[in-house]
PDB file of N, CA and C in Angstrom:
ATOM      1  N   MET A   1       0.832  -1.172   0.000  1.00  0.00           N
ATOM      2  CA  MET A   1       0.000   0.000   0.000  1.00  0.00           C
ATOM      3  C   MET A   1       0.879   1.239   0.000  1.00  0.00           C
ATOM      4  N   THR A   2       0.345   2.258  -0.620  1.00  0.00           N
ATOM      5  CA  THR A   2       1.056   3.517  -0.697  1.00  0.00           C
ATOM      6  C   THR A   2       0.568   4.430   0.414  1.00  0.00           C
ATOM      7  N   LYS A   3       1.512   5.023   1.054  1.00  0.00           N
ATOM      8  CA  LYS A   3       1.156   5.954   2.123  1.00  0.00           C
ATOM      9  C   LYS A   3       1.204   7.372   1.559  1.00  0.00           C
ATOM     10  N   ILE A   4       0.076   8.069   1.611  1.00  0.00           N
ATOM     11  CA  ILE A   4      -0.005   9.427   1.093  1.00  0.00           C
ATOM     12  C   ILE A   4       0.091  10.392   2.266  1.00  0.00           C
ATOM     13  N   THR A   5       0.943  11.350   2.119  1.00  0.00           N
ATOM     14  CA  THR A   5       1.065  12.382   3.156  1.00  0.00           C
ATOM     15  C   THR A   5       0.706  13.731   2.567  1.00  0.00           C
ATOM     16  N   PHE A   6       0.041  14.505   3.357  1.00  0.00           N
ATOM     17  CA  PHE A   6      -0.343  15.847   2.947  1.00  0.00           C
ATOM     18  C   PHE A   6       0.361  16.845   3.850  1.00  0.00           C
ATOM     19  N   LYS A   7       0.897  17.870   3.235  1.00  0.00           N
ATOM     20  CA  LYS A   7       1.467  18.908   4.068  1.00  0.00           C
ATOM     21  C   LYS A   7       0.429  20.006   4.275  1.00  0.00           C
ATOM     22  N   GLN A   8       0.538  20.669   5.370  1.00  0.00           N
ATOM     23  CA  GLN A   8      -0.442  21.686   5.720  1.00  0.00           C
ATOM     24  C   GLN A   8      -0.342  22.864   4.762  1.00  0.00           C
ATOM     25  N   ALA A   9      -1.486  23.258   4.244  1.00  0.00           N
ATOM     26  CA  ALA A   9      -1.521  24.364   3.294  1.00  0.00           C
ATOM     27  C   ALA A   9      -1.361  25.686   4.036  1.00  0.00           C
ATOM     28  N   GLU A  10      -0.616  26.562   3.452  1.00  0.00           N
ATOM     29  CA  GLU A  10      -0.433  27.907   4.003  1.00  0.00           C
ATOM     30  C   GLU A  10      -1.582  28.783   3.512  1.00  0.00           C
ATOM     31  N   LEU A  11      -2.276  29.389   4.449  1.00  0.00           N
ATOM     32  CA  LEU A  11      -3.338  30.303   4.068  1.00  0.00           C
ATOM     33  C   LEU A  11      -2.726  31.647   3.689  1.00  0.00           C
ATOM     34  N   PRO A  12      -3.242  32.250   2.619  1.00  0.00           N
ATOM     35  CA  PRO A  12      -2.754  33.589   2.290  1.00  0.00           C
ATOM     36  C   PRO A  12      -3.100  34.570   3.408  1.00  0.00           C
ATOM     37  N   VAL A  13      -2.414  35.675   3.455  1.00  0.00           N
ATOM     38  CA  VAL A  13      -2.637  36.680   4.502  1.00  0.00           C
ATOM     39  C   VAL A  13      -4.077  37.160   4.481  1.00  0.00           C
ATOM     40  N   ARG A  14      -4.621  37.356   3.308  1.00  0.00           N
ATOM     41  CA  ARG A  14      -6.001  37.832   3.191  1.00  0.00           C
ATOM     42  C   ARG A  14      -6.980  36.826   3.792  1.00  0.00           C
ATOM     43  N   ALA A  15      -6.773  35.542   3.578  1.00  0.00           N
ATOM     44  CA  ALA A  15      -7.670  34.525   4.123  1.00  0.00           C
ATOM     45  C   ALA A  15      -7.589  34.492   5.640  1.00  0.00           C
ATOM     46  N   LYS A  16      -6.433  34.730   6.210  1.00  0.00           N
ATOM     47  CA  LYS A  16      -6.304  34.747   7.658  1.00  0.00           C
ATOM     48  C   LYS A  16      -7.049  35.929   8.267  1.00  0.00           C
ATOM     49  N   LEU A  17      -7.127  37.048   7.567  1.00  0.00           N
ATOM     50  CA  LEU A  17      -7.828  38.223   8.078  1.00  0.00           C
ATOM     51  C   LEU A  17      -9.333  38.036   8.065  1.00  0.00           C
ATOM     52  N   ILE A  18      -9.833  37.160   7.207  1.00  0.00           N
ATOM     53  CA  ILE A  18     -11.275  36.945   7.118  1.00  0.00           C
ATOM     54  C   ILE A  18     -11.825  36.392   8.426  1.00  0.00           C
ATOM     55  N   LEU A  19     -11.059  35.616   9.142  1.00  0.00           N
ATOM     56  CA  LEU A  19     -11.519  34.996  10.381  1.00  0.00           C
ATOM     57  C   LEU A  19     -11.120  35.796  11.612  1.00  0.00           C
ATOM     58  N   SER A  20     -11.071  37.088  11.491  1.00  0.00           N
ATOM     59  CA  SER A  20     -10.656  37.928  12.610  1.00  0.00           C
ATOM     60  C   SER A  20     -11.737  37.962  13.692  1.00  0.00           C
ATOM     61  N   PRO A  21     -11.345  38.208  14.928  1.00  0.00           N
ATOM     62  CA  PRO A  21     -12.330  38.292  16.026  1.00  0.00           C
ATOM     63  C   PRO A  21     -13.358  39.407  15.804  1.00  0.00           C
ATOM     64  N   ALA A  22     -12.931  40.514  15.218  1.00  0.00           N
ATOM     65  CA  ALA A  22     -13.870  41.609  14.967  1.00  0.00           C
ATOM     66  C   ALA A  22     -14.974  41.165  14.015  1.00  0.00           C
ATOM     67  N   LEU A  23     -14.603  40.395  13.002  1.00  0.00           N
ATOM     68  CA  LEU A  23     -15.604  39.910  12.057  1.00  0.00           C
ATOM     69  C   LEU A  23     -16.556  38.930  12.733  1.00  0.00           C
ATOM     70  N   LEU A  24     -16.036  38.080  13.592  1.00  0.00           N
ATOM     71  CA  LEU A  24     -16.901  37.133  14.298  1.00  0.00           C
ATOM     72  C   LEU A  24     -17.877  37.853  15.221  1.00  0.00           C
ATOM     73  N   HIS A  25     -17.442  38.918  15.875  1.00  0.00           N
ATOM     74  CA  HIS A  25     -18.341  39.719  16.722  1.00  0.00           C
ATOM     75  C   HIS A  25     -19.409  40.394  15.865  1.00  0.00           C
ATOM     76  N   PHE A  26     -18.998  40.911  14.699  1.00  0.00           N
ATOM     77  CA  PHE A  26     -19.943  41.559  13.788  1.00  0.00           C
ATOM     78  C   PHE A  26     -20.977  40.549  13.299  1.00  0.00           C
ATOM     79  N   LEU A  27     -20.534  39.347  12.939  1.00  0.00           N
ATOM     80  CA  LEU A  27     -21.460  38.323  12.465  1.00  0.00           C
ATOM     81  C   LEU A  27     -22.433  37.904  13.558  1.00  0.00           C
ATOM     82  N   ALA A  28     -21.973  37.853  14.785  1.00  0.00           N
ATOM     83  CA  ALA A  28     -22.876  37.528  15.894  1.00  0.00           C
ATOM     84  C   ALA A  28     -23.947  38.613  16.051  1.00  0.00           C
ATOM     85  N   ALA A  29     -23.538  39.867  15.950  1.00  0.00           N
ATOM     86  CA  ALA A  29     -24.501  40.967  16.063  1.00  0.00           C
ATOM     87  C   ALA A  29     -25.507  40.933  14.913  1.00  0.00           C
ATOM     88  N   ILE A  30     -25.029  40.660  13.702  1.00  0.00           N
ATOM     89  CA  ILE A  30     -25.927  40.576  12.547  1.00  0.00           C
ATOM     90  C   ILE A  30     -26.885  39.391  12.693  1.00  0.00           C
ATOM     91  N   ALA A  31     -26.409  38.285  13.250  1.00  0.00           N
ATOM     92  CA  ALA A  31     -27.280  37.125  13.459  1.00  0.00           C
ATOM     93  C   ALA A  31     -28.409  37.461  14.425  1.00  0.00           C
ATOM     94  N   ILE A  32     -28.097  38.158  15.508  1.00  0.00           N
ATOM     95  CA  ILE A  32     -29.124  38.561  16.474  1.00  0.00           C
ATOM     96  C   ILE A  32     -30.102  39.539  15.825  1.00  0.00           C
ATOM     97  N   TRP A  33     -29.565  40.513  15.072  1.00  0.00           N
ATOM     98  CA  TRP A  33     -30.407  41.494  14.376  1.00  0.00           C
ATOM     99  C   TRP A  33     -31.354  40.789  13.414  1.00  0.00           C
ATOM    100  N   SER A  34     -30.843  39.824  12.650  1.00  0.00           N
ATOM    101  CA  SER A  34     -31.668  39.097  11.681  1.00  0.00           C
ATOM    102  C   SER A  34     -32.748  38.283  12.376  1.00  0.00           C
ATOM    103  N   LEU A  35     -32.422  37.695  13.508  1.00  0.00           N
ATOM    104  CA  LEU A  35     -33.412  36.936  14.269  1.00  0.00           C
ATOM    105  C   LEU A  35     -34.548  37.839  14.729  1.00  0.00           C
ATOM    106  N   VAL A  36     -34.207  39.011  15.249  1.00  0.00           N
ATOM    107  CA  VAL A  36     -35.226  39.951  15.728  1.00  0.00           C
ATOM    108  C   VAL A  36     -36.086  40.446  14.572  1.00  0.00           C
ATOM    109  N   ILE A  37     -35.453  40.859  13.488  1.00  0.00           N
ATOM    110  CA  ILE A  37     -36.202  41.363  12.329  1.00  0.00           C
ATOM    111  C   ILE A  37     -37.064  40.260  11.721  1.00  0.00           C
ATOM    112  N   GLY A  38     -36.529  39.047  11.647  1.00  0.00           N
ATOM    113  CA  GLY A  38     -37.303  37.931  11.110  1.00  0.00           C
ATOM    114  C   GLY A  38     -38.473  37.543  11.985  1.00  0.00           C
ATOM    115  N   SER A  39     -38.391  37.815  13.277  1.00  0.00           N
ATOM    116  CA  SER A  39     -39.478  37.503  14.198  1.00  0.00           C
ATOM    117  C   SER A  39     -40.586  38.549  14.167  1.00  0.00           C
ATOM    118  N   PHE A  40     -40.333  39.688  13.565  1.00  0.00           N
ATOM    119  CA  PHE A  40     -41.314  40.770  13.539  1.00  0.00           C
ATOM    120  C   PHE A  40     -42.508  40.437  12.658  1.00  0.00           C
ATOM    121  N   SER A  41     -42.277  39.867  11.519  1.00  0.00           N
ATOM    122  CA  SER A  41     -43.319  39.693  10.507  1.00  0.00           C
ATOM    123  C   SER A  41     -44.539  38.901  10.978  1.00  0.00           C
ATOM    124  N   PRO A  42     -44.390  37.744  11.609  1.00  0.00           N
ATOM    125  CA  PRO A  42     -45.595  37.025  12.031  1.00  0.00           C
ATOM    126  C   PRO A  42     -46.443  37.804  13.042  1.00  0.00           C
ATOM    127  N   PHE A  43     -45.794  38.561  13.911  1.00  0.00           N
ATOM    128  CA  PHE A  43     -46.532  39.306  14.919  1.00  0.00           C
ATOM    129  C   PHE A  43     -47.096  40.615  14.365  1.00  0.00           C
ATOM    130  N   ALA A  44     -46.513  41.120  13.305  1.00  0.00           N
ATOM    131  CA  ALA A  44     -46.994  42.360  12.709  1.00  0.00           C
ATOM    132  C   ALA A  44     -48.392  42.178  12.123  1.00  0.00           C
ATOM    133  N   THR A  45     -48.631  41.061  11.488  1.00  0.00           N
ATOM    134  CA  THR A  45     -49.960  40.844  10.909  1.00  0.00           C
ATOM    135  C   THR A  45     -51.026  40.775  12.001  1.00  0.00           C
ATOM    136  N   VAL A  46     -50.713  40.136  13.112  1.00  0.00           N
ATOM    137  CA  VAL A  46     -51.660  40.063  14.225  1.00  0.00           C
ATOM    138  C   VAL A  46     -51.889  41.453  14.810  1.00  0.00           C
ATOM    139  N   TYR A  47     -50.805  42.234  14.962  1.00  0.00           N
ATOM    140  CA  TYR A  47     -50.922  43.596  15.485  1.00  0.00           C
ATOM    141  C   TYR A  47     -51.781  44.455  14.560  1.00  0.00           C
ATOM    142  N   PHE A  48     -51.525  44.384  13.264  1.00  0.00           N
ATOM    143  CA  PHE A  48     -52.304  45.171  12.312  1.00  0.00           C
ATOM    144  C   PHE A  48     -53.782  44.774  12.344  1.00  0.00           C
ATOM    145  N   ALA A  49     -54.057  43.487  12.421  1.00  0.00           N
ATOM    146  CA  ALA A  49     -55.442  43.019  12.393  1.00  0.00           C
ATOM    147  C   ALA A  49     -56.166  43.279  13.710  1.00  0.00           C
ATOM    148  N   GLN A  50     -55.524  42.960  14.833  1.00  0.00           N
ATOM    149  CA  GLN A  50     -56.213  43.054  16.126  1.00  0.00           C
ATOM    150  C   GLN A  50     -56.200  44.458  16.729  1.00  0.00           C
ATOM    151  N   HIS A  51     -55.057  45.116  16.705  1.00  0.00           N
ATOM    152  CA  HIS A  51     -54.942  46.419  17.370  1.00  0.00           C
ATOM    153  C   HIS A  51     -55.359  47.568  16.459  1.00  0.00           C
ATOM    154  N   LEU A  52     -54.937  47.527  15.207  1.00  0.00           N
ATOM    155  CA  LEU A  52     -55.270  48.622  14.283  1.00  0.00           C
ATOM    156  C   LEU A  52     -56.517  48.343  13.464  1.00  0.00           C
ATOM    157  N   HIS A  53     -57.075  47.136  13.599  1.00  0.00           N
ATOM    158  CA  HIS A  53     -58.305  46.743  12.909  1.00  0.00           C
ATOM    159  C   HIS A  53     -58.187  46.922  11.395  1.00  0.00           C
ATOM    160  N   MET A  54     -57.049  46.549  10.848  1.00  0.00           N
ATOM    161  CA  MET A  54     -56.856  46.622   9.399  1.00  0.00           C
ATOM    162  C   MET A  54     -57.420  45.354   8.761  1.00  0.00           C
ATOM    163  N   SER A  55     -57.968  45.511   7.570  1.00  0.00           N
ATOM    164  CA  SER A  55     -58.470  44.352   6.842  1.00  0.00           C
ATOM    165  C   SER A  55     -57.297  43.618   6.197  1.00  0.00           C
ATOM    166  N   LEU A  56     -57.544  42.392   5.745  1.00  0.00           N
ATOM    167  CA  LEU A  56     -56.472  41.627   5.112  1.00  0.00           C
ATOM    168  C   LEU A  56     -55.923  42.319   3.857  1.00  0.00           C
ATOM    169  N   PRO A  57     -56.776  42.923   2.998  1.00  0.00           N
ATOM    170  CA  PRO A  57     -56.198  43.655   1.861  1.00  0.00           C
ATOM    171  C   PRO A  57     -55.324  44.836   2.288  1.00  0.00           C
ATOM    172  N   GLN A  58     -55.708  45.534   3.360  1.00  0.00           N
ATOM    173  CA  GLN A  58     -54.881  46.642   3.856  1.00  0.00           C
ATOM    174  C   GLN A  58     -53.534  46.137   4.377  1.00  0.00           C
ATOM    175  N   ILE A  59     -53.550  45.006   5.086  1.00  0.00           N
ATOM    176  CA  ILE A  59     -52.299  44.425   5.581  1.00  0.00           C
ATOM    177  C   ILE A  59     -51.431  43.998   4.412  1.00  0.00           C
ATOM    178  N   GLY A  60     -52.038  43.382   3.415  1.00  0.00           N
ATOM    179  CA  GLY A  60     -51.291  42.979   2.219  1.00  0.00           C
ATOM    180  C   GLY A  60     -50.693  44.172   1.500  1.00  0.00           C
ATOM    181  N   ASN A  61     -51.455  45.260   1.389  1.00  0.00           N
ATOM    182  CA  ASN A  61     -50.935  46.471   0.749  1.00  0.00           C
ATOM    183  C   ASN A  61     -49.778  47.073   1.541  1.00  0.00           C
ATOM    184  N   ALA A  62     -49.865  47.030   2.869  1.00  0.00           N
ATOM    185  CA  ALA A  62     -48.788  47.562   3.705  1.00  0.00           C
ATOM    186  C   ALA A  62     -47.503  46.759   3.500  1.00  0.00           C
ATOM    187  N   PHE A  63     -47.611  45.433   3.527  1.00  0.00           N
ATOM    188  CA  PHE A  63     -46.422  44.604   3.330  1.00  0.00           C
ATOM    189  C   PHE A  63     -45.888  44.714   1.900  1.00  0.00           C
ATOM    190  N   SER A  64     -46.784  44.812   0.920  1.00  0.00           N
ATOM    191  CA  SER A  64     -46.339  44.968  -0.465  1.00  0.00           C
ATOM    192  C   SER A  64     -45.618  46.292  -0.671  1.00  0.00           C
ATOM    193  N   SER A  65     -46.142  47.349  -0.072  1.00  0.00           N
ATOM    194  CA  SER A  65     -45.478  48.650  -0.175  1.00  0.00           C
ATOM    195  C   SER A  65     -44.095  48.611   0.469  1.00  0.00           C
ATOM    196  N   ALA A  66     -43.999  47.941   1.602  1.00  0.00           N
ATOM    197  CA  ALA A  66     -42.700  47.814   2.271  1.00  0.00           C
ATOM    198  C   ALA A  66     -41.712  47.037   1.400  1.00  0.00           C
ATOM    199  N   GLN A  67     -42.178  46.010   0.714  1.00  0.00           N
ATOM    200  CA  GLN A  67     -41.301  45.242  -0.168  1.00  0.00           C
ATOM    201  C   GLN A  67     -40.833  46.074  -1.353  1.00  0.00           C
ATOM    202  N   ILE A  68     -41.706  46.908  -1.895  1.00  0.00           N
ATOM    203  CA  ILE A  68     -41.320  47.774  -3.020  1.00  0.00           C
ATOM    204  C   ILE A  68     -40.243  48.759  -2.574  1.00  0.00           C
ATOM    205  N   VAL A  69     -40.397  49.322  -1.388  1.00  0.00           N
ATOM    206  CA  VAL A  69     -39.387  50.242  -0.860  1.00  0.00           C
ATOM    207  C   VAL A  69     -38.061  49.508  -0.649  1.00  0.00           C
ATOM    208  N   GLN A  70     -38.116  48.269  -0.155  1.00  0.00           N
ATOM    209  CA  GLN A  70     -36.897  47.493   0.057  1.00  0.00           C
ATOM    210  C   GLN A  70     -36.200  47.178  -1.262  1.00  0.00           C
ATOM    211  N   VAL A  71     -36.958  46.843  -2.293  1.00  0.00           N
ATOM    212  CA  VAL A  71     -36.359  46.568  -3.604  1.00  0.00           C
ATOM    213  C   VAL A  71     -35.677  47.824  -4.139  1.00  0.00           C
ATOM    214  N   ALA A  72     -36.330  48.963  -4.018  1.00  0.00           N
ATOM    215  CA  ALA A  72     -35.725  50.220  -4.468  1.00  0.00           C
ATOM    216  C   ALA A  72     -34.434  50.506  -3.697  1.00  0.00           C
ATOM    217  N   ALA A  73     -34.447  50.269  -2.389  1.00  0.00           N
ATOM    218  CA  ALA A  73     -33.247  50.509  -1.578  1.00  0.00           C
ATOM    219  C   ALA A  73     -32.112  49.587  -1.995  1.00  0.00           C
ATOM    220  N   VAL A  74     -32.414  48.326  -2.252  1.00  0.00           N
ATOM    221  CA  VAL A  74     -31.380  47.373  -2.672  1.00  0.00           C
ATOM    222  C   VAL A  74     -30.789  47.784  -4.017  1.00  0.00           C
ATOM    223  N   LEU A  75     -31.602  48.323  -4.898  1.00  0.00           N
ATOM    224  CA  LEU A  75     -31.095  48.752  -6.202  1.00  0.00           C
ATOM    225  C   LEU A  75     -30.257  50.025  -6.106  1.00  0.00           C
ATOM    226  N   ILE A  76     -30.533  50.865  -5.123  1.00  0.00           N
ATOM    227  CA  ILE A  76     -29.799  52.124  -4.958  1.00  0.00           C
ATOM    228  C   ILE A  76     -28.490  51.929  -4.185  1.00  0.00           C
ATOM    229  N   LEU A  77     -28.440  50.925  -3.308  1.00  0.00           N
ATOM    230  CA  LEU A  77     -27.277  50.748  -2.432  1.00  0.00           C
ATOM    231  C   LEU A  77     -25.937  50.615  -3.166  1.00  0.00           C
ATOM    232  N   PRO A  78     -25.824  49.893  -4.276  1.00  0.00           N
ATOM    233  CA  PRO A  78     -24.516  49.835  -4.937  1.00  0.00           C
ATOM    234  C   PRO A  78     -23.985  51.208  -5.347  1.00  0.00           C
ATOM    235  N   MET A  79     -24.862  52.076  -5.801  1.00  0.00           N
ATOM    236  CA  MET A  79     -24.430  53.433  -6.163  1.00  0.00           C
ATOM    237  C   MET A  79     -23.980  54.205  -4.924  1.00  0.00           C
ATOM    238  N   LEU A  80     -24.701  54.026  -3.814  1.00  0.00           N
ATOM    239  CA  LEU A  80     -24.328  54.692  -2.568  1.00  0.00           C
ATOM    240  C   LEU A  80     -22.977  54.191  -2.069  1.00  0.00           C
ATOM    241  N   PHE A  81     -22.778  52.872  -2.105  1.00  0.00           N
ATOM    242  CA  PHE A  81     -21.507  52.307  -1.647  1.00  0.00           C
ATOM    243  C   PHE A  81     -20.351  52.706  -2.547  1.00  0.00           C
ATOM    244  N   LYS A  82     -20.612  52.832  -3.828  1.00  0.00           N
ATOM    245  CA  LYS A  82     -19.554  53.262  -4.739  1.00  0.00           C
ATOM    246  C   LYS A  82     -19.155  54.705  -4.452  1.00  0.00           C
ATOM    247  N   ARG A  83     -20.127  55.517  -4.117  1.00  0.00           N
ATOM    248  CA  ARG A  83     -19.845  56.935  -3.855  1.00  0.00           C
ATOM    249  C   ARG A  83     -19.207  57.160  -2.484  1.00  0.00           C
ATOM    250  N   LEU A  84     -19.730  56.485  -1.441  1.00  0.00           N
ATOM    251  CA  LEU A  84     -19.257  56.711  -0.078  1.00  0.00           C
ATOM    252  C   LEU A  84     -18.169  55.740   0.369  1.00  0.00           C
ATOM    253  N   GLY A  85     -18.033  54.628  -0.315  1.00  0.00           N
ATOM    254  CA  GLY A  85     -17.142  53.574   0.145  1.00  0.00           C
ATOM    255  C   GLY A  85     -17.942  52.570   0.967  1.00  0.00           C
ATOM    256  N   LEU A  86     -17.378  51.385   1.129  1.00  0.00           N
ATOM    257  CA  LEU A  86     -18.119  50.317   1.789  1.00  0.00           C
ATOM    258  C   LEU A  86     -18.387  50.622   3.264  1.00  0.00           C
ATOM    259  N   VAL A  87     -17.367  51.008   4.004  1.00  0.00           N
ATOM    260  CA  VAL A  87     -17.546  51.233   5.447  1.00  0.00           C
ATOM    261  C   VAL A  87     -18.449  52.435   5.701  1.00  0.00           C
ATOM    262  N   CYS A  88     -18.185  53.540   5.061  1.00  0.00           N
ATOM    263  CA  CYS A  88     -19.027  54.735   5.250  1.00  0.00           C
ATOM    264  C   CYS A  88     -20.451  54.488   4.759  1.00  0.00           C
ATOM    265  N   GLY A  89     -20.597  53.704   3.702  1.00  0.00           N
ATOM    266  CA  GLY A  89     -21.931  53.380   3.199  1.00  0.00           C
ATOM    267  C   GLY A  89     -22.732  52.554   4.190  1.00  0.00           C
ATOM    268  N   ILE A  90     -22.083  51.551   4.785  1.00  0.00           N
ATOM    269  CA  ILE A  90     -22.763  50.724   5.776  1.00  0.00           C
ATOM    270  C   ILE A  90     -23.114  51.547   7.008  1.00  0.00           C
ATOM    271  N   VAL A  91     -22.172  52.355   7.472  1.00  0.00           N
ATOM    272  CA  VAL A  91     -22.437  53.195   8.648  1.00  0.00           C
ATOM    273  C   VAL A  91     -23.587  54.158   8.370  1.00  0.00           C
ATOM    274  N   SER A  92     -23.585  54.774   7.201  1.00  0.00           N
ATOM    275  CA  SER A  92     -24.641  55.740   6.888  1.00  0.00           C
ATOM    276  C   SER A  92     -26.007  55.070   6.784  1.00  0.00           C
ATOM    277  N   THR A  93     -26.086  53.873   6.182  1.00  0.00           N
ATOM    278  CA  THR A  93     -27.377  53.195   6.094  1.00  0.00           C
ATOM    279  C   THR A  93     -27.872  52.758   7.474  1.00  0.00           C
ATOM    280  N   GLN A  94     -26.958  52.335   8.348  1.00  0.00           N
ATOM    281  CA  GLN A  94     -27.363  51.967   9.700  1.00  0.00           C
ATOM    282  C   GLN A  94     -27.849  53.188  10.485  1.00  0.00           C
ATOM    283  N   LEU A  95     -27.174  54.319  10.306  1.00  0.00           N
ATOM    284  CA  LEU A  95     -27.599  55.543  10.989  1.00  0.00           C
ATOM    285  C   LEU A  95     -28.958  56.023  10.487  1.00  0.00           C
ATOM    286  N   VAL A  96     -29.175  55.934   9.181  1.00  0.00           N
ATOM    287  CA  VAL A  96     -30.476  56.326   8.628  1.00  0.00           C
ATOM    288  C   VAL A  96     -31.566  55.397   9.152  1.00  0.00           C
ATOM    289  N   ALA A  97     -31.282  54.097   9.214  1.00  0.00           N
ATOM    290  CA  ALA A  97     -32.268  53.149   9.748  1.00  0.00           C
ATOM    291  C   ALA A  97     -32.587  53.461  11.206  1.00  0.00           C
ATOM    292  N   ALA A  98     -31.563  53.767  12.001  1.00  0.00           N
ATOM    293  CA  ALA A  98     -31.790  54.110  13.413  1.00  0.00           C
ATOM    294  C   ALA A  98     -32.602  55.392  13.535  1.00  0.00           C
ATOM    295  N   LEU A  99     -32.298  56.373  12.707  1.00  0.00           N
ATOM    296  CA  LEU A  99     -33.043  57.628  12.730  1.00  0.00           C
ATOM    297  C   LEU A  99     -34.505  57.406  12.361  1.00  0.00           C
ATOM    298  N   LEU A 100     -34.754  56.601  11.333  1.00  0.00           N
ATOM    299  CA  LEU A 100     -36.135  56.331  10.932  1.00  0.00           C
ATOM    300  C   LEU A 100     -36.885  55.538  11.999  1.00  0.00           C
ATOM    301  N   LEU A 101     -36.202  54.627  12.691  1.00  0.00           N
ATOM    302  CA  LEU A 101     -36.847  53.922  13.798  1.00  0.00           C
ATOM    303  C   LEU A 101     -37.198  54.881  14.932  1.00  0.00           C
ATOM    304  N   LEU A 102     -36.334  55.838  15.186  1.00  0.00           N
ATOM    305  CA  LEU A 102     -36.617  56.847  16.202  1.00  0.00           C
ATOM    306  C   LEU A 102     -37.824  57.689  15.806  1.00  0.00           C
ATOM    307  N   VAL A 103     -37.869  58.107  14.555  1.00  0.00           N
ATOM    308  CA  VAL A 103     -39.021  58.877  14.065  1.00  0.00           C
ATOM    309  C   VAL A 103     -40.297  58.054  14.181  1.00  0.00           C
ATOM    310  N   LEU A 104     -40.221  56.781  13.823  1.00  0.00           N
ATOM    311  CA  LEU A 104     -41.385  55.905  13.924  1.00  0.00           C
ATOM    312  C   LEU A 104     -41.841  55.763  15.374  1.00  0.00           C
ATOM    313  N   ALA A 105     -40.906  55.669  16.290  1.00  0.00           N
ATOM    314  CA  ALA A 105     -41.250  55.546  17.705  1.00  0.00           C
ATOM    315  C   ALA A 105     -41.897  56.816  18.239  1.00  0.00           C
ATOM    316  N   VAL A 106     -41.418  57.972  17.785  1.00  0.00           N
ATOM    317  CA  VAL A 106     -41.938  59.244  18.287  1.00  0.00           C
ATOM    318  C   VAL A 106     -43.329  59.527  17.740  1.00  0.00           C
ATOM    319  N   ILE A 107     -43.523  59.345  16.444  1.00  0.00           N
ATOM    320  CA  ILE A 107     -44.813  59.694  15.852  1.00  0.00           C
ATOM    321  C   ILE A 107     -45.745  58.509  15.709  1.00  0.00           C
ATOM    322  N   GLY A 108     -45.236  57.310  15.889  1.00  0.00           N
ATOM    323  CA  GLY A 108     -46.038  56.109  15.659  1.00  0.00           C
ATOM    324  C   GLY A 108     -47.246  56.002  16.549  1.00  0.00           C
ATOM    325  N   HIS A 109     -47.091  56.289  17.809  1.00  0.00           N
ATOM    326  CA  HIS A 109     -48.225  56.124  18.716  1.00  0.00           C
ATOM    327  C   HIS A 109     -49.277  57.213  18.530  1.00  0.00           C
ATOM    328  N   HIS A 110     -48.949  58.304  17.854  1.00  0.00           N
ATOM    329  CA  HIS A 110     -49.938  59.348  17.588  1.00  0.00           C
ATOM    330  C   HIS A 110     -50.734  59.063  16.322  1.00  0.00           C
ATOM    331  N   SER A 111     -50.079  58.535  15.302  1.00  0.00           N
ATOM    332  CA  SER A 111     -50.748  58.375  14.016  1.00  0.00           C
ATOM    333  C   SER A 111     -51.331  56.990  13.800  1.00  0.00           C
ATOM    334  N   LEU A 112     -50.955  56.002  14.590  1.00  0.00           N
ATOM    335  CA  LEU A 112     -51.426  54.640  14.378  1.00  0.00           C
ATOM    336  C   LEU A 112     -52.417  54.211  15.453  1.00  0.00           C
ATOM    337  N   ARG A 113     -53.406  55.035  15.684  1.00  0.00           N
ATOM    338  CA  ARG A 113     -54.442  54.683  16.654  1.00  0.00           C
ATOM    339  C   ARG A 113     -55.397  53.685  16.006  1.00  0.00           C
ATOM    340  N   PRO A 114     -56.042  52.851  16.811  1.00  0.00           N
ATOM    341  CA  PRO A 114     -57.003  51.905  16.246  1.00  0.00           C
ATOM    342  C   PRO A 114     -58.114  52.628  15.503  1.00  0.00           C
ATOM    343  N   LEU A 115     -58.481  52.065  14.362  1.00  0.00           N
ATOM    344  CA  LEU A 115     -59.557  52.631  13.560  1.00  0.00           C
ATOM    345  C   LEU A 115     -60.900  52.196  14.146  1.00  0.00           C
ATOM    346  N   PRO A 116     -61.887  53.098  14.201  1.00  0.00           N
ATOM    347  CA  PRO A 116     -63.203  52.702  14.736  1.00  0.00           C
ATOM    348  C   PRO A 116     -63.884  51.718  13.795  1.00  0.00           C
ATOM    349  N   MET A 117     -64.517  50.717  14.372  1.00  0.00           N
ATOM    350  CA  MET A 117     -65.232  49.708  13.592  1.00  0.00           C
ATOM    351  C   MET A 117     -66.721  49.944  13.773  1.00  0.00           C
ATOM    352  N   SER A 118     -67.475  49.934  12.679  1.00  0.00           N
ATOM    353  CA  SER A 118     -68.902  50.199  12.773  1.00  0.00           C
ATOM    354  C   SER A 118     -69.641  49.030  13.423  1.00  0.00           C
ATOM    355  N   ASP A 119     -69.122  47.793  13.257  1.00  0.00           N
ATOM    356  CA  ASP A 119     -69.804  46.638  13.845  1.00  0.00           C
ATOM    357  C   ASP A 119     -69.173  46.251  15.182  1.00  0.00           C
ATOM    358  N   SER A 120     -68.368  47.118  15.745  1.00  0.00           N
ATOM    359  CA  SER A 120     -67.726  46.847  17.028  1.00  0.00           C
ATOM    360  C   SER A 120     -68.726  47.036  18.161  1.00  0.00           C
ATOM    361  N   PRO A 121     -68.652  46.208  19.207  1.00  0.00           N
ATOM    362  CA  PRO A 121     -69.582  46.374  20.334  1.00  0.00           C
ATOM    363  C   PRO A 121     -69.351  47.681  21.091  1.00  0.00           C
ATOM    364  N   HIS A 122     -68.183  48.329  20.872  1.00  0.00           N
ATOM    365  CA  HIS A 122     -67.890  49.582  21.557  1.00  0.00           C
ATOM    366  C   HIS A 122     -68.318  50.805  20.763  1.00  0.00           C
ATOM    367  N   SER A 123     -68.856  50.619  19.557  1.00  0.00           N
ATOM    368  CA  SER A 123     -69.235  51.787  18.741  1.00  0.00           C
ATOM    369  C   SER A 123     -70.600  52.310  19.201  1.00  0.00           C
ATOM    370  N   ASN A 124     -70.846  53.580  18.858  1.00  0.00           N
ATOM    371  CA  ASN A 124     -72.090  54.235  19.270  1.00  0.00           C
ATOM    372  C   ASN A 124     -73.209  54.057  18.256  1.00  0.00           C
ATOM    373  N   GLY A 125     -73.020  53.247  17.223  1.00  0.00           N
ATOM    374  CA  GLY A 125     -74.009  53.117  16.157  1.00  0.00           C
ATOM    375  C   GLY A 125     -74.929  52.071  16.403  1.00  0.00           C
TER     376      GLY A 125
END
């Protein structure tokens, strides 16, 4: 029988940098963020239907509109990253997202009150 021996491959410098601790911390944060964002959708439909009394077509229109905005953002991002650079582009998009979440939190409870239902037992009709 022939004995085959393998020598350990040398990783290029660039490949060694890919597994840096900073990247692993970033990936952990992104994983948590994705879990939270992914958990929002099932509860959003219940919130829209039960608390805001939206009909199924209204909920569908809300989610469809959000998807259209997301598609537009994905198509615009390469131009933004080319202009600002990758790091500045990512930082700026995260800051804009945080700012919009803050705006949503401040004005959300004023503009998203439950809609009155005519067949509701609490209505005056």
